[in-house]
Amino acid sequence: MNITKKLGLTLVAAALVTAYGCGKKEEPKQAAAPAAPAVETVTVKIGHAGPLTGGIAHLGKDNENGARLAVEQATAKKMKIGGKVAVFELLGEDDQADPKMGPTIAQKFVDAKVAGVVGHLNSGVTIPASAVYNQAGIPMISGSATNPKLTEQGFKNVFRVVGRDDQQGPAVAQFLAAQKIKKVAIADDATAYGEGLANEVEKTLKAAGVQIVAREKTNDKATDFKAILTKIKGRNPDAVFYGGMDATGGPMVKQARELGIKAAFSFGDGACTDEMAKLAGAAAEGLICSQAGLPASAASKDFNDAFKAKFGEVKQYAPFTYDSANLLIAAMQKADSADPAKYLPELAKINHKGATGTIEFDEKGDRKNAEITIFTIGLGRPEALDVVDLREMACRPEYFYLAPDGEDLAAIYRTIAVAIPCPPESFWGRR
């Protein structure tokens, strides 16, 4: 075969290889599918503020985690607000449980253009912060601030999902009175929360004929309580009530036992925690305390399971901050807007099934039919003894047979159950 012929065959072979790919037919390329249209999103900022440092940081973080869980779950649902998929973002701030920080943090949220705020934890911080939110027209819901002054200011943008101290105080006071206690010493930490709650306890105990033998004050940063405890010991009370948080309540009761004070000790919700039991040690056994709401164990299973999987055990009010964030979001959905001016009317009239039950607000922004739980601390943690809602409180006879002869039982009724009707036979006629 000559060179020219050989070259021709080689070129033909090369052409065949190119055309058929060694015997494999080349498939025609398919046209790329058209790209899906981009989903329009809108970022909705929700603020949360509470103490993330200091003695009650465990409670502040618990509150923040409740709100964070709600925000993350809402984002995962890809719900639409104003025709756009809402991406919820939680802005967390540390207010250090300092009343002076309240307005500062509030202004920071205003500048960040948050759509709503969950918080603050402490009444003393929440009350001054609420004035800033009111001025800016931003809705705020507290899941733990209990001082009545918060909602007595008349701000239409301020709400809370727990009971008030003028509900909680009478509940724990009446519980103490029912134990036939005759003499009580009262102390508080001089905060809006602690002093306010202690005042309500004192008022109700006096109405029930219990003698107040001492009224002492400390502060929320104190560590040494021996001076006031020595005074209290000299008055020989049957019980001591302390208005304050677990960070001070734990060391107080521990020092009281070291001084030989055998009186029963009772506290409000700020000290009704697992941390209280840890700080007080063996001295915590048998302590009586109250919570302005249902126990965490009574919150929905879905919430408790989700919270535990992500953050561990609930400390106290996380179910209520979870509900607070969800209330803001639900109102935005109803209004189809994250504009505070547009969704605030929906929030005010909302009827929402939350982790802590059905939530509605009265004209002041307080939760209707708020529950109060009485606990005792045993086996290292609070255990619920009794749950009292306001109507039940008004209608349970044992709360009104405590007054000595000559006292006006109706006055006690008005103190603890204002505007809650109850048949007269529930509190008239017997002692």
Protein backbone atom coordinates (compact mmCIF):
# COMPACT_ATOMS: atom_id res chain seq x y z
CA MET A 1 0.00 0.00 0.00
CA ASN A 2 1.45 3.35 -1.03
CA ILE A 3 1.97 6.23 1.36
CA THR A 4 -0.85 8.32 -0.10
CA LYS A 5 -3.36 5.48 0.31
CA LYS A 6 -2.20 4.73 3.83
CA LEU A 7 -2.54 8.39 4.78
CA GLY A 8 -6.06 8.44 3.38
CA LEU A 9 -7.12 5.44 5.46
CA THR A 10 -5.64 6.98 8.60
CA LEU A 11 -7.56 10.17 8.07
CA VAL A 12 -10.79 8.23 7.53
CA ALA A 13 -10.20 6.22 10.72
CA ALA A 14 -9.56 9.37 12.67
CA ALA A 15 -12.74 10.86 11.34
CA LEU A 16 -14.71 7.78 12.36
CA VAL A 17 -13.28 7.85 15.87
CA THR A 18 -14.14 11.51 16.18
CA ALA A 19 -17.67 11.02 14.90
CA TYR A 20 -18.57 7.89 16.87
CA GLY A 21 -16.36 8.09 19.96
CA CYS A 22 -15.01 4.57 19.66
CA GLY A 23 -18.38 3.15 18.79
CA LYS A 24 -20.52 5.25 21.34
CA LYS A 25 -23.10 7.56 19.92
CA GLU A 26 -22.95 11.04 21.44
CA GLU A 27 -26.26 12.03 23.04
CA PRO A 28 -27.60 15.45 22.16
CA LYS A 29 -27.24 17.92 25.01
CA GLN A 30 -30.48 18.84 26.80
CA ALA A 31 -31.31 22.46 27.30
CA ALA A 32 -30.93 23.62 30.94
CA ALA A 33 -34.16 24.00 32.90
CA PRO A 34 -35.16 27.60 33.43
CA ALA A 35 -34.03 28.92 36.85
CA ALA A 36 -36.74 29.12 39.51
CA PRO A 37 -37.72 32.69 40.22
CA ALA A 38 -35.98 34.03 43.35
CA VAL A 39 -38.17 33.98 46.47
CA GLU A 40 -38.58 37.45 47.86
CA THR A 41 -37.84 37.59 51.59
CA VAL A 42 -38.26 40.21 54.27
CA THR A 43 -36.15 40.30 57.43
CA VAL A 44 -38.17 40.95 60.58
CA LYS A 45 -36.12 41.91 63.63
CA ILE A 46 -37.37 41.08 67.12
CA GLY A 47 -35.45 42.29 70.16
CA HIS A 48 -34.94 40.42 73.42
CA ALA A 49 -33.34 41.97 76.48
CA GLY A 50 -32.52 40.48 79.85
CA PRO A 51 -29.56 39.95 82.20
CA LEU A 52 -26.98 37.81 80.40
CA THR A 53 -24.25 38.58 82.91
CA GLY A 54 -24.32 38.82 86.69
CA GLY A 55 -26.06 36.86 89.42
CA ILE A 56 -29.28 36.10 87.52
CA ALA A 57 -27.77 35.53 84.08
CA HIS A 58 -29.16 31.97 84.14
CA LEU A 59 -32.68 33.40 84.14
CA GLY A 60 -31.90 35.98 81.47
CA LYS A 61 -30.44 33.34 79.16
CA ASP A 62 -33.43 31.08 79.79
CA ASN A 63 -35.75 33.89 78.73
CA GLU A 64 -33.66 34.61 75.63
CA ASN A 65 -33.63 30.93 74.64
CA GLY A 66 -37.43 30.80 74.81
CA ALA A 67 -37.72 33.75 72.43
CA ARG A 68 -34.97 32.36 70.17
CA LEU A 69 -36.74 29.03 69.80
CA ALA A 70 -39.94 30.80 68.70
CA VAL A 71 -38.09 32.93 66.16
CA GLU A 72 -36.21 29.98 64.68
CA GLN A 73 -39.36 27.87 64.39
CA ALA A 74 -41.24 30.73 62.74
CA THR A 75 -38.49 31.24 60.17
CA ALA A 76 -38.48 27.51 59.35
CA LYS A 77 -42.20 27.70 58.50
CA LYS A 78 -41.47 30.16 55.66
CA MET A 79 -44.62 32.09 56.42
CA LYS A 80 -45.44 35.11 54.32
CA ILE A 81 -45.92 38.65 55.57
CA GLY A 82 -46.82 41.30 53.03
CA GLY A 83 -46.40 38.78 50.20
CA LYS A 84 -42.79 38.00 51.15
CA VAL A 85 -41.29 35.05 53.04
CA ALA A 86 -40.46 36.27 56.53
CA VAL A 87 -36.99 35.65 57.94
CA PHE A 88 -37.15 36.40 61.66
CA GLU A 89 -34.01 37.57 63.41
CA LEU A 90 -33.60 37.80 67.21
CA LEU A 91 -31.42 40.65 68.46
CA GLY A 92 -30.28 39.72 71.97
CA GLU A 93 -29.03 42.36 74.41
CA ASP A 94 -27.68 42.20 77.96
CA ASP A 95 -29.41 44.72 80.21
CA GLN A 96 -27.46 43.46 83.28
CA ALA A 97 -30.64 43.66 85.38
CA ASP A 98 -29.75 47.35 85.74
CA PRO A 99 -32.63 49.87 85.56
CA LYS A 100 -30.25 52.43 84.02
CA MET A 101 -29.55 50.04 81.14
CA GLY A 102 -33.23 49.60 80.30
CA PRO A 103 -33.70 52.86 78.33
CA THR A 104 -30.26 52.47 76.72
CA ILE A 105 -31.06 49.02 75.37
CA ALA A 106 -34.53 50.16 74.35
CA GLN A 107 -33.10 53.01 72.30
CA LYS A 108 -30.66 50.58 70.70
CA PHE A 109 -33.60 48.46 69.58
CA VAL A 110 -35.43 51.52 68.27
CA ASP A 111 -32.36 52.50 66.23
CA ALA A 112 -32.11 48.95 64.90
CA LYS A 113 -35.74 49.25 63.72
CA VAL A 114 -36.99 46.15 65.50
CA ALA A 115 -40.61 45.25 64.85
CA GLY A 116 -41.24 44.22 68.46
CA VAL A 117 -39.52 43.42 71.74
CA VAL A 118 -39.66 40.48 74.15
CA GLY A 119 -38.56 41.54 77.61
CA HIS A 120 -37.25 42.69 79.88
CA LEU A 121 -36.91 40.19 82.70
CA ASN A 122 -36.85 42.50 85.73
CA SER A 123 -39.66 44.92 86.52
CA GLY A 124 -37.17 47.60 87.53
CA VAL A 125 -35.60 47.47 84.07
CA THR A 126 -38.79 46.90 82.11
CA ILE A 127 -40.70 49.89 83.46
CA PRO A 128 -38.22 52.63 82.37
CA ALA A 129 -37.52 50.79 79.08
CA SER A 130 -41.24 50.65 78.29
CA ALA A 131 -41.41 54.45 78.08
CA VAL A 132 -38.90 54.38 75.20
CA TYR A 133 -40.83 51.67 73.36
CA ASN A 134 -44.02 53.61 73.88
CA GLN A 135 -42.49 56.78 72.43
CA ALA A 136 -41.35 54.82 69.37
CA GLY A 137 -44.64 52.92 69.03
CA ILE A 138 -42.95 49.51 69.27
CA PRO A 139 -44.94 46.68 70.91
CA MET A 140 -43.22 44.94 73.81
CA ILE A 141 -44.29 41.87 75.76
CA SER A 142 -42.66 40.80 79.01
CA GLY A 143 -42.64 37.16 79.95
CA SER A 144 -41.58 37.75 83.54
CA ALA A 145 -41.94 41.37 84.78
CA THR A 146 -44.65 41.32 87.46
CA ASN A 147 -44.82 44.82 88.99
CA PRO A 148 -48.32 46.27 88.41
CA LYS A 149 -46.84 49.67 87.47
CA LEU A 150 -45.73 48.26 84.12
CA THR A 151 -49.25 48.11 82.75
CA GLU A 152 -50.73 50.81 84.98
CA GLN A 153 -48.87 53.45 82.93
CA GLY A 154 -51.55 53.37 80.27
CA PHE A 155 -49.19 52.51 77.39
CA LYS A 156 -51.13 50.79 74.63
CA ASN A 157 -48.06 48.99 73.29
CA VAL A 158 -47.07 47.27 76.55
CA PHE A 159 -48.17 43.73 77.45
CA ARG A 160 -47.23 40.87 79.76
CA VAL A 161 -48.09 37.16 79.74
CA VAL A 162 -47.62 36.41 83.46
CA GLY A 163 -49.54 37.45 86.54
CA ARG A 164 -48.97 40.64 88.54
CA ASP A 165 -47.50 41.09 92.00
CA ASP A 166 -50.89 42.22 93.31
CA GLN A 167 -52.06 38.74 92.31
CA GLN A 168 -48.93 36.79 93.27
CA GLY A 169 -48.41 38.51 96.63
CA PRO A 170 -51.91 37.78 97.96
CA ALA A 171 -51.66 34.17 96.79
CA VAL A 172 -48.48 33.39 98.71
CA ALA A 173 -49.63 35.49 101.69
CA GLN A 174 -52.93 33.67 101.94
CA PHE A 175 -51.09 30.36 101.70
CA LEU A 176 -48.92 31.38 104.65
CA ALA A 177 -51.93 32.58 106.64
CA ALA A 178 -53.67 29.28 106.00
CA GLN A 179 -50.79 27.53 107.81
CA LYS A 180 -51.91 29.31 111.02
CA ILE A 181 -48.82 31.50 110.99
CA LYS A 182 -49.25 34.42 113.42
CA LYS A 183 -46.03 36.49 113.10
CA VAL A 184 -44.14 37.25 109.87
CA ALA A 185 -40.96 39.21 109.16
CA ILE A 186 -40.63 40.75 105.68
CA ALA A 187 -37.51 41.82 103.79
CA ASP A 188 -36.90 42.94 100.23
CA ASP A 189 -34.07 43.89 97.87
CA ALA A 190 -35.30 47.47 97.28
CA THR A 191 -35.97 46.83 93.59
CA ALA A 192 -39.25 47.57 91.84
CA TYR A 193 -39.94 43.83 91.79
CA GLY A 194 -38.81 42.86 95.28
CA GLU A 195 -40.24 45.83 97.14
CA GLY A 196 -43.49 45.79 95.17
CA LEU A 197 -44.09 42.10 95.84
CA ALA A 198 -43.20 42.42 99.51
CA ASN A 199 -45.67 45.31 99.87
CA GLU A 200 -48.46 43.17 98.43
CA VAL A 201 -47.62 40.29 100.76
CA GLU A 202 -47.59 42.64 103.76
CA LYS A 203 -50.94 44.18 102.80
CA THR A 204 -52.67 40.81 102.48
CA LEU A 205 -51.13 39.34 105.64
CA LYS A 206 -52.32 42.32 107.66
CA ALA A 207 -55.81 41.94 106.20
CA ALA A 208 -55.76 38.29 107.30
CA GLY A 209 -54.86 39.28 110.85
CA VAL A 210 -51.19 38.24 110.71
CA GLN A 211 -48.75 40.41 112.69
CA ILE A 212 -45.79 41.91 110.77
CA VAL A 213 -42.97 41.94 113.35
CA ALA A 214 -40.16 43.29 111.11
CA ARG A 215 -39.74 45.06 107.76
CA GLU A 216 -36.15 45.07 106.53
CA LYS A 217 -34.33 46.08 103.33
CA THR A 218 -31.18 44.99 101.56
CA ASN A 219 -30.15 45.36 97.90
CA ASP A 220 -29.94 43.11 94.86
CA LYS A 221 -26.11 42.96 94.98
CA ALA A 222 -25.76 42.06 98.65
CA THR A 223 -23.99 38.93 99.88
CA ASP A 224 -24.01 39.43 103.65
CA PHE A 225 -27.43 39.48 105.34
CA LYS A 226 -26.42 38.81 108.94
CA ALA A 227 -27.29 42.31 110.18
CA ILE A 228 -30.93 42.21 109.09
CA LEU A 229 -31.24 38.53 109.93
CA THR A 230 -30.05 39.21 113.48
CA LYS A 231 -32.81 41.82 113.83
CA ILE A 232 -35.34 39.36 112.45
CA LYS A 233 -34.17 36.61 114.80
CA GLY A 234 -34.76 38.91 117.77
CA ARG A 235 -38.43 39.27 116.73
CA ASN A 236 -38.94 35.48 116.72
CA PRO A 237 -41.23 35.27 113.63
CA ASP A 238 -43.08 32.14 112.57
CA ALA A 239 -42.20 32.88 108.93
CA VAL A 240 -40.00 35.19 106.86
CA PHE A 241 -40.95 36.50 103.43
CA TYR A 242 -38.23 37.86 101.13
CA GLY A 243 -38.95 39.85 97.98
CA GLY A 244 -35.94 39.35 95.74
CA MET A 245 -34.14 37.04 93.32
CA ASP A 246 -32.50 33.67 93.86
CA ALA A 247 -29.00 35.21 93.71
CA THR A 248 -29.66 36.94 97.04
CA GLY A 249 -32.40 34.70 98.42
CA GLY A 250 -30.19 31.59 98.42
CA PRO A 251 -27.37 33.07 100.54
CA MET A 252 -29.94 34.77 102.80
CA VAL A 253 -31.73 31.61 103.82
CA LYS A 254 -28.43 29.75 104.20
CA GLN A 255 -27.13 32.45 106.57
CA ALA A 256 -30.46 32.46 108.42
CA ARG A 257 -30.12 28.78 109.22
CA GLU A 258 -26.52 29.30 110.31
CA LEU A 259 -27.79 31.94 112.76
CA GLY A 260 -30.31 29.47 114.14
CA ILE A 261 -33.45 31.04 112.64
CA LYS A 262 -36.00 28.25 112.46
CA ALA A 263 -38.83 30.26 110.87
CA ALA A 264 -40.38 29.10 107.61
CA PHE A 265 -39.04 31.04 104.62
CA SER A 266 -41.08 32.08 101.62
CA PHE A 267 -40.30 33.90 98.39
CA GLY A 268 -41.81 35.13 95.16
CA ASP A 269 -41.07 33.90 91.66
CA GLY A 270 -37.63 35.52 91.47
CA ALA A 271 -36.34 32.95 93.94
CA CYS A 272 -38.58 30.06 92.94
CA THR A 273 -35.91 28.32 90.88
CA ASP A 274 -33.57 25.34 90.77
CA GLU A 275 -30.70 27.79 91.27
CA MET A 276 -32.26 28.85 94.57
CA ALA A 277 -32.04 25.28 95.77
CA LYS A 278 -28.39 25.07 94.69
CA LEU A 279 -27.40 28.34 96.37
CA ALA A 280 -29.18 27.56 99.65
CA GLY A 281 -28.18 23.90 99.76
CA ALA A 282 -29.84 21.86 102.48
CA ALA A 283 -31.35 25.07 103.92
CA ALA A 284 -33.69 25.23 100.89
CA GLU A 285 -35.70 22.19 101.94
CA GLY A 286 -39.29 23.13 102.75
CA LEU A 287 -39.14 26.70 101.42
CA ILE A 288 -42.42 28.10 100.08
CA CYS A 289 -42.43 30.18 96.91
CA SER A 290 -44.78 31.37 94.20
CA GLN A 291 -44.65 31.80 90.45
CA ALA A 292 -46.70 34.21 88.40
CA GLY A 293 -47.78 31.55 85.95
CA LEU A 294 -48.01 27.81 85.48
CA PRO A 295 -44.94 25.67 86.16
CA ALA A 296 -42.70 24.95 83.17
CA SER A 297 -43.74 21.31 83.35
CA ALA A 298 -47.30 22.38 82.52
CA ALA A 299 -46.23 24.00 79.24
CA SER A 300 -47.03 22.13 76.04
CA LYS A 301 -45.14 18.93 75.28
CA ASP A 302 -44.13 20.26 71.86
CA PHE A 303 -42.47 23.26 73.49
CA ASN A 304 -40.76 21.29 76.24
CA ASP A 305 -39.44 18.66 73.84
CA ALA A 306 -38.11 21.25 71.37
CA PHE A 307 -36.58 23.42 74.09
CA LYS A 308 -34.89 20.51 75.84
CA ALA A 309 -33.43 19.21 72.58
CA LYS A 310 -31.86 22.58 71.79
CA PHE A 311 -31.12 24.22 75.14
CA GLY A 312 -31.61 21.67 77.92
CA GLU A 313 -34.00 22.02 80.86
CA VAL A 314 -36.16 25.11 81.30
CA LYS A 315 -35.04 27.31 84.20
CA GLN A 316 -38.29 29.20 84.73
CA TYR A 317 -39.97 31.62 82.32
CA ALA A 318 -38.75 30.40 78.90
CA PRO A 319 -42.27 29.10 78.00
CA PHE A 320 -43.60 32.63 78.56
CA THR A 321 -40.96 34.38 76.44
CA TYR A 322 -41.56 31.73 73.79
CA ASP A 323 -45.23 32.67 73.82
CA SER A 324 -44.35 36.38 73.85
CA ALA A 325 -42.35 36.10 70.62
CA ASN A 326 -45.03 33.96 69.01
CA LEU A 327 -47.70 36.50 69.97
CA LEU A 328 -45.80 39.24 68.13
CA ILE A 329 -45.43 36.98 65.08
CA ALA A 330 -49.07 35.86 65.14
CA ALA A 331 -50.24 39.48 65.25
CA MET A 332 -47.98 40.32 62.28
CA GLN A 333 -49.53 37.44 60.36
CA LYS A 334 -53.05 38.61 61.14
CA ALA A 335 -52.21 42.13 60.04
CA ASP A 336 -50.11 40.85 57.10
CA SER A 337 -47.53 43.41 58.13
CA ALA A 338 -44.51 43.75 60.40
CA ASP A 339 -45.15 47.46 60.73
CA PRO A 340 -45.77 48.05 64.47
CA ALA A 341 -48.51 50.61 63.79
CA LYS A 342 -50.39 48.10 61.63
CA TYR A 343 -50.09 44.93 63.72
CA LEU A 344 -50.44 46.48 67.21
CA PRO A 345 -54.28 46.54 67.00
CA GLU A 346 -54.22 42.82 66.20
CA LEU A 347 -51.97 42.14 69.16
CA ALA A 348 -54.26 43.98 71.56
CA LYS A 349 -57.27 41.84 70.61
CA ILE A 350 -55.47 38.54 70.02
CA ASN A 351 -56.68 35.14 71.17
CA HIS A 352 -53.67 32.87 70.90
CA LYS A 353 -53.19 29.24 71.90
CA GLY A 354 -49.63 29.17 73.19
CA ALA A 355 -47.34 26.84 75.09
CA THR A 356 -48.70 28.24 78.37
CA GLY A 357 -52.35 28.08 77.38
CA THR A 358 -54.74 30.46 75.71
CA ILE A 359 -53.61 34.09 75.91
CA GLU A 360 -55.80 37.17 75.74
CA PHE A 361 -55.06 40.65 77.04
CA ASP A 362 -57.27 43.00 79.00
CA GLU A 363 -57.52 46.72 78.31
CA LYS A 364 -54.32 47.37 80.30
CA GLY A 365 -52.25 44.76 78.47
CA ASP A 366 -52.31 42.22 81.30
CA ARG A 367 -53.03 38.57 80.63
CA LYS A 368 -56.60 37.57 81.35
CA ASN A 369 -57.11 34.75 83.86
CA ALA A 370 -53.46 34.61 84.87
CA GLU A 371 -52.49 31.69 87.09
CA ILE A 372 -50.37 31.76 90.25
CA THR A 373 -48.55 28.59 91.33
CA ILE A 374 -47.48 27.87 94.89
CA PHE A 375 -44.37 25.69 95.25
CA THR A 376 -42.36 24.10 97.98
CA ILE A 377 -38.69 23.31 97.47
CA GLY A 378 -37.97 19.66 98.08
CA LEU A 379 -35.41 17.20 96.75
CA GLY A 380 -33.31 20.08 95.46
CA ARG A 381 -35.88 21.77 93.24
CA PRO A 382 -39.28 23.52 93.39
CA GLU A 383 -42.32 21.25 93.35
CA ALA A 384 -45.78 22.63 92.61
CA LEU A 385 -48.27 22.48 95.48
CA ASP A 386 -51.20 24.42 94.12
CA VAL A 387 -52.23 26.41 91.05
CA VAL A 388 -54.61 29.28 91.67
CA ASP A 389 -56.21 31.40 88.97
CA LEU A 390 -57.84 34.67 89.92
CA ARG A 391 -61.42 33.55 89.67
CA GLU A 392 -60.70 30.41 91.68
CA MET A 393 -58.91 32.56 94.22
CA ALA A 394 -61.98 34.73 94.52
CA CYS A 395 -64.31 31.81 94.92
CA ARG A 396 -62.43 29.41 97.20
CA PRO A 397 -63.86 29.83 100.69
CA GLU A 398 -60.62 29.02 102.51
CA TYR A 399 -59.17 32.31 101.31
CA PHE A 400 -61.85 34.29 103.13
CA TYR A 401 -62.26 32.57 106.47
CA LEU A 402 -58.89 33.79 107.66
CA ALA A 403 -59.93 37.24 108.82
CA PRO A 404 -60.51 37.70 112.57
CA ASP A 405 -63.96 38.53 113.79
CA GLY A 406 -64.97 42.04 112.92
CA GLU A 407 -62.91 42.21 109.75
CA ASP A 408 -64.60 42.94 106.47
CA LEU A 409 -64.20 39.82 104.36
CA ALA A 410 -65.28 41.75 101.29
CA ALA A 411 -62.19 43.98 101.73
CA ILE A 412 -59.96 40.93 101.42
CA TYR A 413 -61.97 39.86 98.43
CA ARG A 414 -61.45 43.22 96.74
CA THR A 415 -57.73 43.12 97.47
CA ILE A 416 -57.03 39.85 95.71
CA ALA A 417 -59.79 39.56 93.16
CA VAL A 418 -60.78 42.98 91.90
CA ALA A 419 -63.51 42.91 89.27
CA ILE A 420 -63.88 39.14 89.35
CA PRO A 421 -67.49 38.33 90.19
CA CYS A 422 -68.20 35.49 92.53
CA PRO A 423 -71.38 34.30 94.20
CA PRO A 424 -71.69 35.81 97.68
CA GLU A 425 -72.13 32.42 99.32
CA SER A 426 -68.50 31.68 98.42
CA PHE A 427 -67.22 34.13 100.97
CA TRP A 428 -70.05 35.28 103.22
CA GLY A 429 -71.49 33.46 106.15
CA ARG A 430 -68.70 31.30 107.60
CA ARG A 431 -65.38 31.86 109.33
